[in-house]
N, C-alpha and C. Protein backbone atom coordinates (compact mmCIF):
# COMPACT_ATOMS: atom_id res chain seq x y z
N MET A 1 89.49 15.17 -39.99
CA MET A 1 89.15 15.18 -38.72
C MET A 1 89.17 16.45 -38.18
N THR A 2 88.25 17.09 -37.72
CA THR A 2 88.22 18.36 -37.11
C THR A 2 87.62 18.38 -35.67
N TRP A 3 87.70 19.63 -34.91
CA TRP A 3 87.15 19.53 -33.42
C TRP A 3 85.73 19.20 -33.36
N LEU A 4 85.04 19.35 -34.75
CA LEU A 4 83.50 19.08 -34.65
C LEU A 4 83.04 17.81 -34.24
N THR A 5 84.06 16.95 -34.82
CA THR A 5 83.88 15.55 -34.56
C THR A 5 84.49 14.80 -33.04
N TRP A 6 84.98 15.91 -32.29
CA TRP A 6 85.56 15.29 -31.10
C TRP A 6 84.61 14.89 -29.91
N PRO A 7 83.40 15.58 -30.05
CA PRO A 7 82.46 15.02 -29.20
C PRO A 7 82.12 13.47 -29.48
N ALA A 8 81.92 13.21 -30.55
CA ALA A 8 81.62 11.60 -30.99
C ALA A 8 82.61 10.87 -30.77
N ARG A 9 83.96 11.17 -31.02
CA ARG A 9 84.99 10.50 -30.76
C ARG A 9 85.14 10.19 -29.14
N VAL A 10 84.57 11.02 -28.46
CA VAL A 10 84.85 10.80 -27.00
C VAL A 10 84.01 9.68 -26.35
N ILE A 11 82.64 9.99 -27.20
CA ILE A 11 81.45 9.00 -26.77
C ILE A 11 81.98 7.38 -27.52
N ILE A 12 82.72 7.42 -28.47
CA ILE A 12 82.90 6.05 -29.29
C ILE A 12 83.98 5.73 -28.19
N PHE A 13 85.07 6.50 -27.77
CA PHE A 13 86.06 5.98 -26.87
C PHE A 13 85.59 5.15 -25.51
N HIS A 14 84.54 5.99 -25.10
CA HIS A 14 83.66 5.41 -23.73
C HIS A 14 83.08 4.03 -24.16
N LEU A 15 82.48 3.93 -25.00
CA LEU A 15 81.92 2.60 -25.55
C LEU A 15 83.14 1.59 -25.81
N TRP A 16 83.99 1.76 -26.59
CA TRP A 16 85.05 0.94 -26.67
C TRP A 16 85.75 0.49 -25.45
N PHE A 17 86.21 1.41 -24.53
CA PHE A 17 86.70 1.06 -23.33
C PHE A 17 85.75 0.37 -22.40
N ALA A 18 84.27 0.69 -22.38
CA ALA A 18 83.36 -0.31 -21.54
C ALA A 18 83.70 -1.50 -22.12
N ARG A 19 83.71 -1.92 -23.50
CA ARG A 19 83.69 -3.40 -24.03
C ARG A 19 84.92 -3.80 -23.49
N GLU A 20 86.11 -3.44 -23.40
CA GLU A 20 87.44 -3.74 -22.97
C GLU A 20 87.42 -4.12 -21.68
N PHE A 21 86.70 -3.19 -20.69
CA PHE A 21 86.78 -3.52 -19.34
C PHE A 21 85.87 -4.66 -19.05
N LEU A 22 84.80 -4.91 -19.74
CA LEU A 22 84.06 -6.03 -19.49
C LEU A 22 84.77 -7.23 -20.03
N ILE A 23 85.39 -7.30 -21.04
CA ILE A 23 86.39 -8.57 -21.59
C ILE A 23 87.25 -8.86 -20.34
N ALA A 24 87.92 -7.56 -19.77
CA ALA A 24 89.05 -8.04 -18.81
C ALA A 24 88.42 -8.59 -17.52
N ASN A 25 87.09 -7.90 -17.17
CA ASN A 25 86.49 -8.58 -15.71
C ASN A 25 86.15 -10.10 -16.08
N THR A 26 85.55 -10.29 -17.22
CA THR A 26 85.34 -11.65 -17.79
C THR A 26 86.42 -12.71 -17.54
N ALA A 27 87.76 -12.30 -17.95
CA ALA A 27 88.84 -13.11 -17.85
C ALA A 27 89.33 -13.23 -16.34
N VAL A 28 89.39 -12.29 -15.64
CA VAL A 28 89.57 -12.39 -14.00
C VAL A 28 88.70 -13.08 -13.61
N ILE A 29 87.26 -12.96 -13.47
CA ILE A 29 86.29 -13.59 -12.84
C ILE A 29 86.47 -15.06 -13.11
N LYS A 30 86.74 -15.83 -14.51
CA LYS A 30 86.80 -17.00 -15.03
C LYS A 30 87.99 -17.47 -14.45
N ASP A 31 89.14 -16.88 -14.26
CA ASP A 31 90.33 -17.43 -13.77
C ASP A 31 90.11 -17.68 -12.29
N ASN A 32 89.26 -16.92 -11.62
CA ASN A 32 89.17 -16.84 -10.02
C ASN A 32 87.86 -17.96 -9.78
N ILE A 33 87.18 -18.19 -10.52
CA ILE A 33 86.19 -19.42 -10.14
C ILE A 33 86.28 -20.72 -10.85
N THR A 34 87.32 -20.96 -11.65
CA THR A 34 87.57 -21.98 -12.30
C THR A 34 88.74 -22.73 -12.03
N PRO A 35 89.07 -23.87 -11.47
CA PRO A 35 90.33 -24.51 -10.92
C PRO A 35 91.27 -24.28 -12.20
N GLY A 36 92.54 -24.18 -11.32
CA GLY A 36 93.80 -23.93 -12.35
C GLY A 36 94.11 -22.45 -12.43
N GLN A 37 95.32 -22.11 -12.97
CA GLN A 37 95.39 -20.60 -13.26
C GLN A 37 95.83 -20.49 -14.78
N ASP A 38 94.92 -19.50 -15.11
CA ASP A 38 95.18 -19.06 -16.58
C ASP A 38 96.17 -18.07 -16.87
N SER A 39 96.65 -17.37 -15.66
CA SER A 39 97.51 -16.01 -15.65
C SER A 39 98.86 -16.44 -16.18
N THR A 40 99.42 -15.46 -16.73
CA THR A 40 100.83 -15.33 -17.13
C THR A 40 101.24 -14.01 -16.89
N PRO A 41 101.73 -13.66 -15.70
CA PRO A 41 101.94 -12.44 -15.38
C PRO A 41 103.49 -11.95 -15.71
N GLY A 42 103.57 -10.57 -16.01
CA GLY A 42 105.05 -9.95 -16.42
C GLY A 42 104.70 -8.53 -16.54
N ILE A 43 105.74 -7.99 -16.54
CA ILE A 43 105.98 -6.54 -16.51
C ILE A 43 106.78 -5.99 -17.83
N ALA A 44 106.19 -4.91 -18.56
CA ALA A 44 106.81 -4.31 -19.58
C ALA A 44 106.82 -2.86 -19.45
N ARG A 45 108.08 -2.23 -20.23
CA ARG A 45 108.04 -1.10 -20.42
C ARG A 45 107.50 -0.53 -21.76
N TYR A 46 106.47 0.29 -21.44
CA TYR A 46 105.92 0.85 -22.70
C TYR A 46 106.17 2.44 -22.87
N ASP A 47 106.88 2.79 -24.05
CA ASP A 47 107.18 4.20 -24.44
C ASP A 47 105.81 4.76 -25.13
N THR A 48 105.33 5.59 -24.30
CA THR A 48 104.21 6.39 -24.84
C THR A 48 104.24 7.31 -26.10
N GLN A 49 102.99 7.70 -26.74
CA GLN A 49 103.16 8.91 -27.34
C GLN A 49 102.46 10.13 -26.89
N CYS A 50 102.25 9.95 -25.55
CA CYS A 50 101.52 11.17 -24.78
C CYS A 50 102.46 12.51 -24.57
N ARG A 51 101.96 13.57 -25.12
CA ARG A 51 102.45 14.96 -25.10
C ARG A 51 102.44 15.61 -23.58
N THR A 52 101.34 15.37 -22.92
CA THR A 52 101.20 16.21 -21.72
C THR A 52 101.01 15.27 -20.46
N ASP A 53 100.87 16.00 -19.31
CA ASP A 53 100.94 15.15 -18.12
C ASP A 53 99.48 14.75 -18.08
N ALA A 54 98.50 15.34 -18.43
CA ALA A 54 97.17 14.78 -18.43
C ALA A 54 96.93 13.65 -19.14
N GLU A 55 97.63 13.55 -20.36
CA GLU A 55 97.41 12.43 -21.30
C GLU A 55 97.97 11.09 -20.48
N LEU A 56 99.05 11.44 -19.88
CA LEU A 56 100.08 10.27 -19.31
C LEU A 56 99.33 9.83 -18.26
N THR A 57 98.69 10.76 -17.42
CA THR A 57 98.02 10.23 -16.15
C THR A 57 96.52 9.64 -16.45
N LEU A 58 95.98 9.91 -17.47
CA LEU A 58 94.78 9.38 -17.84
C LEU A 58 95.12 7.88 -18.59
N LEU A 59 95.96 7.95 -19.20
CA LEU A 59 96.54 6.46 -19.84
C LEU A 59 96.99 5.46 -18.68
N GLY A 60 97.63 6.06 -17.70
CA GLY A 60 98.12 5.22 -16.69
C GLY A 60 96.83 4.89 -15.53
N ALA A 61 95.73 5.65 -15.43
CA ALA A 61 94.61 5.47 -14.68
C ALA A 61 93.86 4.30 -15.47
N LEU A 62 93.46 4.54 -16.57
CA LEU A 62 92.92 3.52 -17.42
C LEU A 62 93.56 2.30 -17.53
N ILE A 63 94.71 2.36 -17.41
CA ILE A 63 95.44 0.80 -17.43
C ILE A 63 95.25 0.22 -16.04
N THR A 64 95.20 1.12 -15.05
CA THR A 64 95.04 0.45 -13.59
C THR A 64 93.64 -0.01 -12.97
N ILE A 65 92.75 0.91 -13.72
CA ILE A 65 91.32 0.20 -13.51
C ILE A 65 90.72 -0.88 -14.22
N THR A 66 91.64 -1.24 -15.53
CA THR A 66 91.27 -2.65 -16.20
C THR A 66 91.84 -3.75 -15.36
N PRO A 67 90.80 -4.56 -15.02
CA PRO A 67 90.86 -5.85 -14.24
C PRO A 67 92.32 -6.56 -15.10
N GLY A 68 93.27 -6.95 -14.15
CA GLY A 68 94.65 -7.53 -14.47
C GLY A 68 95.47 -6.91 -15.12
N THR A 69 95.54 -5.61 -14.76
CA THR A 69 96.72 -4.76 -15.28
C THR A 69 96.90 -3.71 -14.33
N LEU A 70 98.25 -2.95 -14.00
CA LEU A 70 98.35 -2.18 -13.03
C LEU A 70 99.70 -1.61 -13.43
N THR A 71 99.49 -0.06 -13.28
CA THR A 71 100.49 0.92 -13.86
C THR A 71 101.43 0.92 -12.65
N LEU A 72 102.88 0.31 -12.83
CA LEU A 72 103.71 0.50 -11.70
C LEU A 72 104.58 1.80 -11.41
N GLY A 73 104.63 2.63 -12.66
CA GLY A 73 105.49 3.64 -12.66
C GLY A 73 105.75 4.48 -13.84
N THR A 74 106.51 5.52 -13.87
CA THR A 74 106.65 6.03 -15.43
C THR A 74 108.04 6.74 -15.19
N THR A 75 108.77 7.13 -16.22
CA THR A 75 109.71 7.87 -16.55
C THR A 75 109.76 9.09 -16.61
N ASP A 76 110.74 10.08 -15.91
CA ASP A 76 110.66 11.71 -16.05
C ASP A 76 110.74 11.97 -17.69
N ALA A 77 109.99 12.97 -18.01
CA ALA A 77 110.21 13.56 -19.27
C ALA A 77 111.54 14.22 -19.37
N THR A 78 112.33 13.73 -20.48
CA THR A 78 113.69 14.07 -20.68
C THR A 78 113.67 14.75 -22.14
N ALA A 79 114.49 15.27 -22.38
CA ALA A 79 114.98 15.90 -23.88
C ALA A 79 114.97 14.77 -24.85
N GLY A 80 114.03 14.59 -25.80
CA GLY A 80 114.25 13.77 -26.67
C GLY A 80 113.60 12.26 -26.45
N ALA A 81 113.53 11.80 -25.26
CA ALA A 81 113.34 10.50 -24.97
C ALA A 81 111.69 10.46 -24.75
N PRO A 82 110.91 9.50 -25.00
CA PRO A 82 109.45 9.16 -25.19
C PRO A 82 109.37 8.89 -23.44
N ARG A 83 108.07 9.55 -23.14
CA ARG A 83 107.67 9.03 -21.68
C ARG A 83 107.52 7.62 -21.83
N ALA A 84 107.57 7.15 -20.78
CA ALA A 84 107.43 5.49 -20.65
C ALA A 84 106.53 5.23 -19.49
N LEU A 85 105.87 4.25 -19.61
CA LEU A 85 104.99 3.51 -18.22
C LEU A 85 105.66 2.21 -18.10
N TYR A 86 105.88 1.55 -16.81
CA TYR A 86 105.93 0.22 -16.58
C TYR A 86 104.64 -0.30 -16.11
N VAL A 87 104.27 -1.41 -16.73
CA VAL A 87 102.82 -1.98 -16.58
C VAL A 87 103.16 -3.27 -16.32
N HIS A 88 102.25 -3.82 -15.20
CA HIS A 88 102.38 -5.25 -14.97
C HIS A 88 101.00 -5.73 -15.41
N SER A 89 100.91 -6.93 -15.92
CA SER A 89 99.60 -7.53 -16.69
C SER A 89 99.66 -8.91 -16.30
N MET A 90 98.37 -9.39 -15.93
CA MET A 90 98.22 -10.73 -15.43
C MET A 90 98.09 -11.98 -16.77
N TYR A 91 97.40 -11.15 -17.56
CA TYR A 91 96.88 -12.21 -18.90
C TYR A 91 97.62 -12.00 -20.38
N SER A 92 98.75 -11.21 -20.32
CA SER A 92 99.39 -11.32 -21.73
C SER A 92 100.04 -12.14 -22.04
N GLN A 93 100.46 -12.52 -23.36
CA GLN A 93 101.15 -13.68 -23.59
C GLN A 93 102.80 -13.32 -23.01
N ASP A 94 103.22 -12.33 -23.60
CA ASP A 94 104.62 -11.79 -23.24
C ASP A 94 104.51 -10.35 -23.48
N ALA A 95 105.67 -9.73 -23.20
CA ALA A 95 105.95 -8.37 -23.17
C ALA A 95 105.35 -7.52 -24.39
N ASP A 96 105.89 -8.14 -25.61
CA ASP A 96 105.56 -7.61 -26.91
C ASP A 96 103.72 -7.49 -27.26
N THR A 97 103.29 -8.63 -26.63
CA THR A 97 101.86 -8.58 -26.63
C THR A 97 101.21 -7.59 -25.90
N LEU A 98 101.64 -7.50 -24.53
CA LEU A 98 101.19 -6.45 -23.62
C LEU A 98 101.52 -4.90 -24.08
N ARG A 99 102.90 -4.72 -24.89
CA ARG A 99 102.91 -3.35 -25.67
C ARG A 99 102.07 -3.09 -26.69
N SER A 100 101.74 -4.23 -27.42
CA SER A 100 100.60 -4.05 -28.32
C SER A 100 99.22 -3.96 -28.00
N GLU A 101 98.84 -4.20 -27.02
CA GLU A 101 97.53 -3.90 -26.37
C GLU A 101 97.48 -2.56 -25.61
N LEU A 102 98.66 -2.24 -25.14
CA LEU A 102 98.78 -0.96 -24.63
C LEU A 102 99.02 0.06 -25.67
N HIS A 103 99.54 -0.03 -26.66
CA HIS A 103 99.55 0.92 -27.75
C HIS A 103 98.04 1.07 -28.48
N ASP A 104 97.15 -0.16 -28.63
CA ASP A 104 96.04 -0.12 -28.89
C ASP A 104 94.88 0.81 -28.25
N MET A 105 95.28 0.66 -26.71
CA MET A 105 94.54 1.63 -25.81
C MET A 105 94.89 2.88 -25.90
N GLU A 106 96.09 3.41 -26.02
CA GLU A 106 96.66 4.63 -26.11
C GLU A 106 96.00 5.46 -27.25
N ASN A 107 96.21 4.59 -28.60
CA ASN A 107 95.72 5.28 -29.67
C ASN A 107 94.06 5.51 -29.43
N HIS A 108 93.31 4.62 -29.02
CA HIS A 108 91.98 5.07 -28.95
C HIS A 108 91.73 6.33 -27.78
N LEU A 109 92.80 6.39 -27.06
CA LEU A 109 92.38 7.27 -25.97
C LEU A 109 92.96 8.64 -26.89
N LEU A 110 94.29 8.69 -27.15
CA LEU A 110 94.56 9.90 -27.94
C LEU A 110 93.59 10.65 -28.99
N HIS A 111 93.32 9.54 -29.87
CA HIS A 111 92.03 9.87 -30.74
C HIS A 111 90.87 10.44 -30.17
N ALA A 112 90.56 10.13 -29.10
CA ALA A 112 89.50 10.81 -28.60
C ALA A 112 89.76 11.99 -27.69
N LEU A 113 90.84 12.12 -26.99
CA LEU A 113 91.31 13.12 -26.34
C LEU A 113 91.70 14.48 -26.89
N ARG A 114 92.57 14.16 -28.24
CA ARG A 114 92.86 15.57 -28.92
C ARG A 114 91.80 15.87 -29.63
N ARG A 115 91.54 17.26 -29.60
CA ARG A 115 90.58 17.78 -30.51
C ARG A 115 90.49 17.60 -31.89
N LYS A 116 91.98 17.62 -32.41
CA LYS A 116 92.05 17.23 -33.86
C LYS A 116 92.55 15.76 -33.99
N GLY A 117 92.34 15.11 -33.25
CA GLY A 117 92.50 13.80 -33.43
C GLY A 117 93.77 13.15 -33.24
N HIS A 118 94.03 12.02 -33.55
CA HIS A 118 95.56 11.57 -33.28
C HIS A 118 95.59 10.49 -34.43
N GLN A 119 96.60 10.47 -35.14
CA GLN A 119 96.82 9.32 -36.30
C GLN A 119 97.94 8.67 -35.74
N PRO A 120 97.58 7.36 -35.57
CA PRO A 120 99.02 6.67 -34.94
C PRO A 120 100.03 6.29 -36.09
């Protein structure tokens, strides 16, 4: 993986996120127009792999613009401790499922953002 593949990785990330965004929109719309409630709301702490404020901010923004999820806050960067986000989700089965989904989003984002790529 080199910086030469970086533009292609950014484009691929945009296509991946557009697909995920469409899936999330569909779930929210379906839940709103059909009788009953399919949501299972919950909050989870997610320890990130983000190294910079820009990476953390972008991850938090992507979580927030995805329908059914909201970034509630973050922890301060302290020596040796990973940066964490607190995330509210409407459609995850449990906190571990939400963390898994966030981990997938973060890996795709960091792979596209970092010029030399990101290996999970």
